[in-house]
């Protein structure tokens, strides 16, 4: 019976389960990423992260405690050397579980468990996420710039109206000589006297 036992037994006896988790932990520290089922990955995360916390303080005592679980000298060197230098600045959460779908055959839910700071693609994607907050401020600045651009458009329209006003009197000046009668059309005073004299002769 499993009364009061809250952890996942993974369908294995205690010695089998301990040996499996120890072997998976060594593979994770050596290769930085392994593929397994989601249930095993969640149990491995609880098994591995206390070792990384202990490795932050490099002492003979901590090395012996971790070695009592992993039983691999090369893994201890990598854990207390390379892994701690890269992951040790974190206060926790040293591993990441990424679900990858279901396994053919038994349809088990599969995943990848990895050390967080060794995934360069995720680190690159995290940088643009910070820029998203800056984009909001740029949008506000763009809206302010557009609002400032409206009065400038009005200022540009004013000189066009002035030009139209100046064009109207110039057109009137050109039309004035056309409206005035030519000198040939207007009769002179002598011609008027001659016409009057001829009219009187005709009347006599």
C-alpha atoms as a PDB file:
ATOM      1  CA  UNK A   1       0.000   0.000   0.000  1.00  0.00           C
ATOM      2  CA  UNK A   2       1.115   3.554  -0.679  1.00  0.00           C
ATOM      3  CA  UNK A   3      -0.342   5.249   2.388  1.00  0.00           C
ATOM      4  CA  UNK A   4       1.456   8.545   3.073  1.00  0.00           C
ATOM      5  CA  UNK A   5       3.900   8.123   0.174  1.00  0.00           C
ATOM      6  CA  UNK A   6       3.393  11.173  -2.041  1.00  0.00           C
ATOM      7  CA  UNK A   7       6.250  10.797  -4.532  1.00  0.00           C
ATOM      8  CA  UNK A   8       5.972   8.894  -7.805  1.00  0.00           C
ATOM      9  CA  UNK A   9       7.318   5.334  -7.525  1.00  0.00           C
ATOM     10  CA  UNK A  10       7.643   5.123 -11.336  1.00  0.00           C
ATOM     11  CA  UNK A  11       6.599   1.444 -11.233  1.00  0.00           C
ATOM     12  CA  UNK A  12       9.963   0.392  -9.761  1.00  0.00           C
ATOM     13  CA  UNK A  13      11.354  -0.870  -6.511  1.00  0.00           C
ATOM     14  CA  UNK A  14      13.376   1.481  -4.316  1.00  0.00           C
ATOM     15  CA  UNK A  15      16.864   0.194  -5.350  1.00  0.00           C
ATOM     16  CA  UNK A  16      15.884   0.215  -9.026  1.00  0.00           C
ATOM     17  CA  UNK A  17      14.473   3.730  -8.773  1.00  0.00           C
ATOM     18  CA  UNK A  18      17.550   5.113  -6.972  1.00  0.00           C
ATOM     19  CA  UNK A  19      19.927   3.543  -9.515  1.00  0.00           C
ATOM     20  CA  UNK A  20      17.876   4.895 -12.419  1.00  0.00           C
ATOM     21  CA  UNK A  21      17.755   8.469 -11.041  1.00  0.00           C
ATOM     22  CA  UNK A  22      21.491   8.378 -10.291  1.00  0.00           C
ATOM     23  CA  UNK A  23      22.265   7.237 -13.828  1.00  0.00           C
ATOM     24  CA  UNK A  24      19.967   9.885 -15.358  1.00  0.00           C
ATOM     25  CA  UNK A  25      21.517  12.616 -13.209  1.00  0.00           C
ATOM     26  CA  UNK A  26      25.009  11.691 -14.405  1.00  0.00           C
ATOM     27  CA  UNK A  27      23.811  11.761 -18.022  1.00  0.00           C
ATOM     28  CA  UNK A  28      22.218  15.181 -17.488  1.00  0.00           C
ATOM     29  CA  UNK A  29      25.410  16.693 -16.069  1.00  0.00           C
ATOM     30  CA  UNK A  30      27.563  15.164 -18.799  1.00  0.00           C
ATOM     31  CA  UNK A  31      25.362  15.947 -21.818  1.00  0.00           C
ATOM     32  CA  UNK A  32      23.411  18.974 -20.407  1.00  0.00           C
ATOM     33  CA  UNK A  33      20.194  17.633 -21.976  1.00  0.00           C
ATOM     34  CA  UNK A  34      18.425  14.271 -22.072  1.00  0.00           C
ATOM     35  CA  UNK A  35      15.137  12.979 -23.451  1.00  0.00           C
ATOM     36  CA  UNK A  36      12.797  10.975 -21.186  1.00  0.00           C
ATOM     37  CA  UNK A  37       9.164  10.724 -20.127  1.00  0.00           C
ATOM     38  CA  UNK A  38       7.494  13.630 -18.329  1.00  0.00           C
ATOM     39  CA  UNK A  39       7.020  11.601 -15.126  1.00  0.00           C
ATOM     40  CA  UNK A  40      10.712  10.662 -14.941  1.00  0.00           C
ATOM     41  CA  UNK A  41      11.768  14.215 -15.797  1.00  0.00           C
ATOM     42  CA  UNK A  42       9.740  15.670 -12.916  1.00  0.00           C
ATOM     43  CA  UNK A  43      11.270  13.205 -10.466  1.00  0.00           C
ATOM     44  CA  UNK A  44      14.756  13.814 -11.853  1.00  0.00           C
ATOM     45  CA  UNK A  45      14.353  17.557 -11.382  1.00  0.00           C
ATOM     46  CA  UNK A  46      13.678  17.084  -7.650  1.00  0.00           C
ATOM     47  CA  UNK A  47      16.648  14.709  -7.461  1.00  0.00           C
ATOM     48  CA  UNK A  48      19.191  16.878  -9.331  1.00  0.00           C
ATOM     49  CA  UNK A  49      18.615  20.454  -8.168  1.00  0.00           C
ATOM     50  CA  UNK A  50      19.723  19.906  -4.542  1.00  0.00           C
ATOM     51  CA  UNK A  51      23.057  18.632  -5.896  1.00  0.00           C
ATOM     52  CA  UNK A  52      23.614  21.881  -7.844  1.00  0.00           C
ATOM     53  CA  UNK A  53      22.788  23.902  -4.728  1.00  0.00           C
ATOM     54  CA  UNK A  54      25.376  21.925  -2.761  1.00  0.00           C
ATOM     55  CA  UNK A  55      27.946  22.372  -5.530  1.00  0.00           C
ATOM     56  CA  UNK A  56      27.836  26.173  -5.051  1.00  0.00           C
ATOM     57  CA  UNK A  57      29.970  25.656  -1.936  1.00  0.00           C
ATOM     58  CA  UNK A  58      32.925  23.612  -3.076  1.00  0.00           C
ATOM     59  CA  UNK A  59      34.067  21.623  -0.048  1.00  0.00           C
ATOM     60  CA  UNK A  60      35.203  18.083   0.592  1.00  0.00           C
ATOM     61  CA  UNK A  61      32.091  17.418   2.642  1.00  0.00           C
ATOM     62  CA  UNK A  62      29.728  18.480  -0.163  1.00  0.00           C
ATOM     63  CA  UNK A  63      31.693  16.516  -2.731  1.00  0.00           C
ATOM     64  CA  UNK A  64      31.462  13.349  -0.640  1.00  0.00           C
ATOM     65  CA  UNK A  65      27.709  13.751  -0.082  1.00  0.00           C
ATOM     66  CA  UNK A  66      27.023  14.188  -3.819  1.00  0.00           C
ATOM     67  CA  UNK A  67      29.384  11.327  -4.657  1.00  0.00           C
ATOM     68  CA  UNK A  68      27.446   9.019  -2.312  1.00  0.00           C
ATOM     69  CA  UNK A  69      24.440   9.416  -4.641  1.00  0.00           C
ATOM     70  CA  UNK A  70      26.044   9.645  -8.104  1.00  0.00           C
ATOM     71  CA  UNK A  71      29.034   7.282  -7.668  1.00  0.00           C
ATOM     72  CA  UNK A  72      30.929   8.868 -10.592  1.00  0.00           C
ATOM     73  CA  UNK A  73      34.116  10.939 -10.181  1.00  0.00           C
ATOM     74  CA  UNK A  74      33.996  12.520 -13.651  1.00  0.00           C
ATOM     75  CA  UNK A  75      30.453  13.754 -13.046  1.00  0.00           C
ATOM     76  CA  UNK A  76      31.499  15.286  -9.723  1.00  0.00           C
ATOM     77  CA  UNK A  77      34.333  17.206 -11.450  1.00  0.00           C
ATOM     78  CA  UNK A  78      31.950  18.563 -14.095  1.00  0.00           C
ATOM     79  CA  UNK A  79      29.270  19.441 -11.536  1.00  0.00           C
ATOM     80  CA  UNK A  80      31.596  21.328  -9.170  1.00  0.00           C
ATOM     81  CA  UNK A  81      33.499  22.944 -12.042  1.00  0.00           C
ATOM     82  CA  UNK A  82      31.799  23.704 -15.340  1.00  0.00           C
ATOM     83  CA  UNK A  83      28.143  23.449 -14.294  1.00  0.00           C
ATOM     84  CA  UNK A  84      28.381  25.629 -11.186  1.00  0.00           C
ATOM     85  CA  UNK A  85      30.268  28.375 -13.022  1.00  0.00           C
ATOM     86  CA  UNK A  86      27.436  28.720 -15.529  1.00  0.00           C
ATOM     87  CA  UNK A  87      24.340  27.905 -13.464  1.00  0.00           C
ATOM     88  CA  UNK A  88      25.480  28.855  -9.964  1.00  0.00           C
ATOM     89  CA  UNK A  89      24.375  32.501 -10.199  1.00  0.00           C
ATOM     90  CA  UNK A  90      20.723  31.421 -10.154  1.00  0.00           C
ATOM     91  CA  UNK A  91      18.837  31.203  -6.837  1.00  0.00           C
ATOM     92  CA  UNK A  92      17.085  28.027  -8.042  1.00  0.00           C
ATOM     93  CA  UNK A  93      15.295  26.580 -11.053  1.00  0.00           C
ATOM     94  CA  UNK A  94      18.402  25.131 -12.661  1.00  0.00           C
ATOM     95  CA  UNK A  95      16.531  22.778 -15.027  1.00  0.00           C
ATOM     96  CA  UNK A  96      13.836  23.165 -17.675  1.00  0.00           C
ATOM     97  CA  UNK A  97      11.317  20.545 -18.887  1.00  0.00           C
ATOM     98  CA  UNK A  98      10.051  20.881 -22.475  1.00  0.00           C
ATOM     99  CA  UNK A  99       7.266  18.569 -23.605  1.00  0.00           C
ATOM    100  CA  UNK A 100       7.866  16.998 -27.030  1.00  0.00           C
ATOM    101  CA  UNK A 101       4.714  14.983 -27.697  1.00  0.00           C
ATOM    102  CA  UNK A 102       3.834  11.313 -27.305  1.00  0.00           C
ATOM    103  CA  UNK A 103       5.932   8.205 -27.876  1.00  0.00           C
ATOM    104  CA  UNK A 104       4.943   5.709 -30.550  1.00  0.00           C
ATOM    105  CA  UNK A 105       3.960   2.329 -29.142  1.00  0.00           C
ATOM    106  CA  UNK A 106       2.775   3.045 -25.591  1.00  0.00           C
ATOM    107  CA  UNK A 107       1.775   6.713 -26.256  1.00  0.00           C
ATOM    108  CA  UNK A 108       3.787   7.909 -23.235  1.00  0.00           C
ATOM    109  CA  UNK A 109       4.170  11.683 -22.885  1.00  0.00           C
ATOM    110  CA  UNK A 110       7.777  12.541 -23.754  1.00  0.00           C
ATOM    111  CA  UNK A 111       9.902  15.544 -22.792  1.00  0.00           C
ATOM    112  CA  UNK A 112      13.387  17.008 -22.774  1.00  0.00           C
ATOM    113  CA  UNK A 113      14.991  18.016 -19.482  1.00  0.00           C
ATOM    114  CA  UNK A 114      17.977  20.368 -19.736  1.00  0.00           C
ATOM    115  CA  UNK A 115      20.154  22.713 -17.734  1.00  0.00           C
ATOM    116  CA  UNK A 116      18.752  26.207 -18.211  1.00  0.00           C
ATOM    117  CA  UNK A 117      21.867  28.250 -19.070  1.00  0.00           C
ATOM    118  CA  UNK A 118      23.134  25.776 -21.661  1.00  0.00           C
ATOM    119  CA  UNK A 119      20.262  26.372 -24.104  1.00  0.00           C
ATOM    120  CA  UNK A 120      21.572  29.240 -26.243  1.00  0.00           C
ATOM    121  CA  UNK A 121      18.423  29.450 -28.377  1.00  0.00           C
ATOM    122  CA  UNK A 122      16.233  30.131 -25.345  1.00  0.00           C
ATOM    123  CA  UNK A 123      18.686  32.737 -24.091  1.00  0.00           C
ATOM    124  CA  UNK A 124      18.561  34.560 -27.458  1.00  0.00           C
ATOM    125  CA  UNK A 125      14.765  34.518 -27.406  1.00  0.00           C
ATOM    126  CA  UNK A 126      14.770  35.964 -23.903  1.00  0.00           C
ATOM    127  CA  UNK A 127      16.590  39.163 -25.034  1.00  0.00           C
ATOM    128  CA  UNK A 128      13.891  40.413 -27.436  1.00  0.00           C
ATOM    129  CA  UNK A 129      11.352  39.867 -24.683  1.00  0.00           C
ATOM    130  CA  UNK A 130      12.980  42.729 -22.772  1.00  0.00           C
ATOM    131  CA  UNK A 131      12.783  44.941 -25.840  1.00  0.00           C
ATOM    132  CA  UNK A 132       9.026  44.463 -25.979  1.00  0.00           C
ATOM    133  CA  UNK A 133       8.666  46.808 -22.999  1.00  0.00           C
ATOM    134  CA  UNK A 134      10.676  49.415 -24.892  1.00  0.00           C
ATOM    135  CA  UNK A 135       8.473  49.067 -27.926  1.00  0.00           C
ATOM    136  CA  UNK A 136       5.526  50.337 -25.914  1.00  0.00           C
ATOM    137  CA  UNK A 137       7.420  53.521 -25.143  1.00  0.00           C
ATOM    138  CA  UNK A 138       8.321  53.846 -28.832  1.00  0.00           C
ATOM    139  CA  UNK A 139       4.669  53.581 -29.756  1.00  0.00           C
ATOM    140  CA  UNK A 140       3.884  56.396 -27.343  1.00  0.00           C
ATOM    141  CA  UNK A 141       6.668  58.469 -28.854  1.00  0.00           C
ATOM    142  CA  UNK A 142       5.369  57.711 -32.327  1.00  0.00           C
ATOM    143  CA  UNK A 143       1.882  58.852 -31.355  1.00  0.00           C
ATOM    144  CA  UNK A 144       3.348  62.065 -29.922  1.00  0.00           C
ATOM    145  CA  UNK A 145       5.345  62.613 -33.104  1.00  0.00           C
ATOM    146  CA  UNK A 146       2.236  62.118 -35.221  1.00  0.00           C
ATOM    147  CA  UNK A 147       0.308  64.605 -33.069  1.00  0.00           C
ATOM    148  CA  UNK A 148       3.135  67.109 -33.528  1.00  0.00           C
ATOM    149  CA  UNK A 149       3.108  66.533 -37.264  1.00  0.00           C
ATOM    150  CA  UNK A 150      -0.512  67.754 -37.578  1.00  0.00           C
ATOM    151  CA  UNK A 151       0.174  71.461 -36.905  1.00  0.00           C
ATOM    152  CA  UNK A 152       3.152  71.383 -39.243  1.00  0.00           C
ATOM    153  CA  UNK A 153       0.824  70.259 -42.017  1.00  0.00           C
ATOM    154  CA  UNK A 154      -1.404  73.279 -41.312  1.00  0.00           C
ATOM    155  CA  UNK A 155       1.601  75.590 -41.497  1.00  0.00           C
ATOM    156  CA  UNK A 156       2.477  74.190 -44.918  1.00  0.00           C
ATOM    157  CA  UNK A 157      -1.040  74.859 -46.201  1.00  0.00           C
ATOM    158  CA  UNK A 158      -0.959  78.565 -45.289  1.00  0.00           C
ATOM    159  CA  UNK A 159       1.622  79.669 -47.892  1.00  0.00           C
ATOM    160  CA  UNK A 160      -0.348  77.880 -50.589  1.00  0.00           C
ATOM    161  CA  UNK A 161      -3.341  80.115 -49.782  1.00  0.00           C
ATOM    162  CA  UNK A 162      -1.139  83.205 -49.974  1.00  0.00           C
ATOM    163  CA  UNK A 163       0.081  82.194 -53.400  1.00  0.00           C
ATOM    164  CA  UNK A 164      -3.488  81.855 -54.634  1.00  0.00           C
ATOM    165  CA  UNK A 165      -4.240  85.368 -53.375  1.00  0.00           C
ATOM    166  CA  UNK A 166      -1.259  86.799 -55.197  1.00  0.00           C
ATOM    167  CA  UNK A 167      -2.321  85.048 -58.379  1.00  0.00           C
ATOM    168  CA  UNK A 168      -5.751  86.744 -58.439  1.00  0.00           C
ATOM    169  CA  UNK A 169      -4.574  90.394 -58.733  1.00  0.00           C
ATOM    170  CA  UNK A 170      -2.039  89.413 -61.370  1.00  0.00           C
ATOM    171  CA  UNK A 171      -4.873  88.004 -63.443  1.00  0.00           C
ATOM    172  CA  UNK A 172      -6.831  91.271 -63.039  1.00  0.00           C
ATOM    173  CA  UNK A 173      -3.852  93.298 -64.194  1.00  0.00           C
ATOM    174  CA  UNK A 174      -3.650  91.244 -67.348  1.00  0.00           C
ATOM    175  CA  UNK A 175      -7.383  91.578 -67.997  1.00  0.00           C
ATOM    176  CA  UNK A 176      -7.463  95.405 -67.613  1.00  0.00           C
ATOM    177  CA  UNK A 177      -5.824  96.272 -70.964  1.00  0.00           C
ATOM    178  CA  UNK A 178      -8.101  93.807 -72.718  1.00  0.00           C
ATOM    179  CA  UNK A 179     -11.231  95.512 -71.312  1.00  0.00           C
ATOM    180  CA  UNK A 180     -10.101  99.051 -72.435  1.00  0.00           C
ATOM    181  CA  UNK A 181     -11.151  99.990 -76.003  1.00  0.00           C
ATOM    182  CA  UNK A 182      -8.401 100.522 -78.522  1.00  0.00           C
ATOM    183  CA  UNK A 183      -7.530 104.000 -79.880  1.00  0.00           C
ATOM    184  CA  UNK A 184      -8.771 103.099 -83.341  1.00  0.00           C
ATOM    185  CA  UNK A 185     -12.272 102.350 -82.097  1.00  0.00           C
ATOM    186  CA  UNK A 186     -12.716 105.715 -80.270  1.00  0.00           C
ATOM    187  CA  UNK A 187     -13.522 108.636 -82.796  1.00  0.00           C
ATOM    188  CA  UNK A 188     -11.433 111.768 -82.483  1.00  0.00           C
ATOM    189  CA  UNK A 189     -12.898 115.308 -82.053  1.00  0.00           C
ATOM    190  CA  UNK A 190     -12.094 116.360 -85.684  1.00  0.00           C
ATOM    191  CA  UNK A 191     -13.886 113.356 -87.094  1.00  0.00           C
ATOM    192  CA  UNK A 192     -16.946 114.260 -85.022  1.00  0.00           C
ATOM    193  CA  UNK A 193     -16.935 117.865 -86.483  1.00  0.00           C
ATOM    194  CA  UNK A 194     -16.656 116.533 -90.056  1.00  0.00           C
ATOM    195  CA  UNK A 195     -19.560 114.157 -89.521  1.00  0.00           C
ATOM    196  CA  UNK A 196     -21.653 117.018 -88.105  1.00  0.00           C
ATOM    197  CA  UNK A 197     -20.829 119.213 -91.157  1.00  0.00           C
ATOM    198  CA  UNK A 198     -21.807 116.519 -93.624  1.00  0.00           C
ATOM    199  CA  UNK A 199     -25.077 115.988 -91.802  1.00  0.00           C
ATOM    200  CA  UNK A 200     -25.911 119.738 -92.044  1.00  0.00           C
ATOM    201  CA  UNK A 201     -25.195 119.791 -95.801  1.00  0.00           C
ATOM    202  CA  UNK A 202     -27.462 116.858 -96.300  1.00  0.00           C
ATOM    203  CA  UNK A 203     -30.188 118.595 -94.334  1.00  0.00           C
ATOM    204  CA  UNK A 204     -30.021 121.710 -96.562  1.00  0.00           C
END
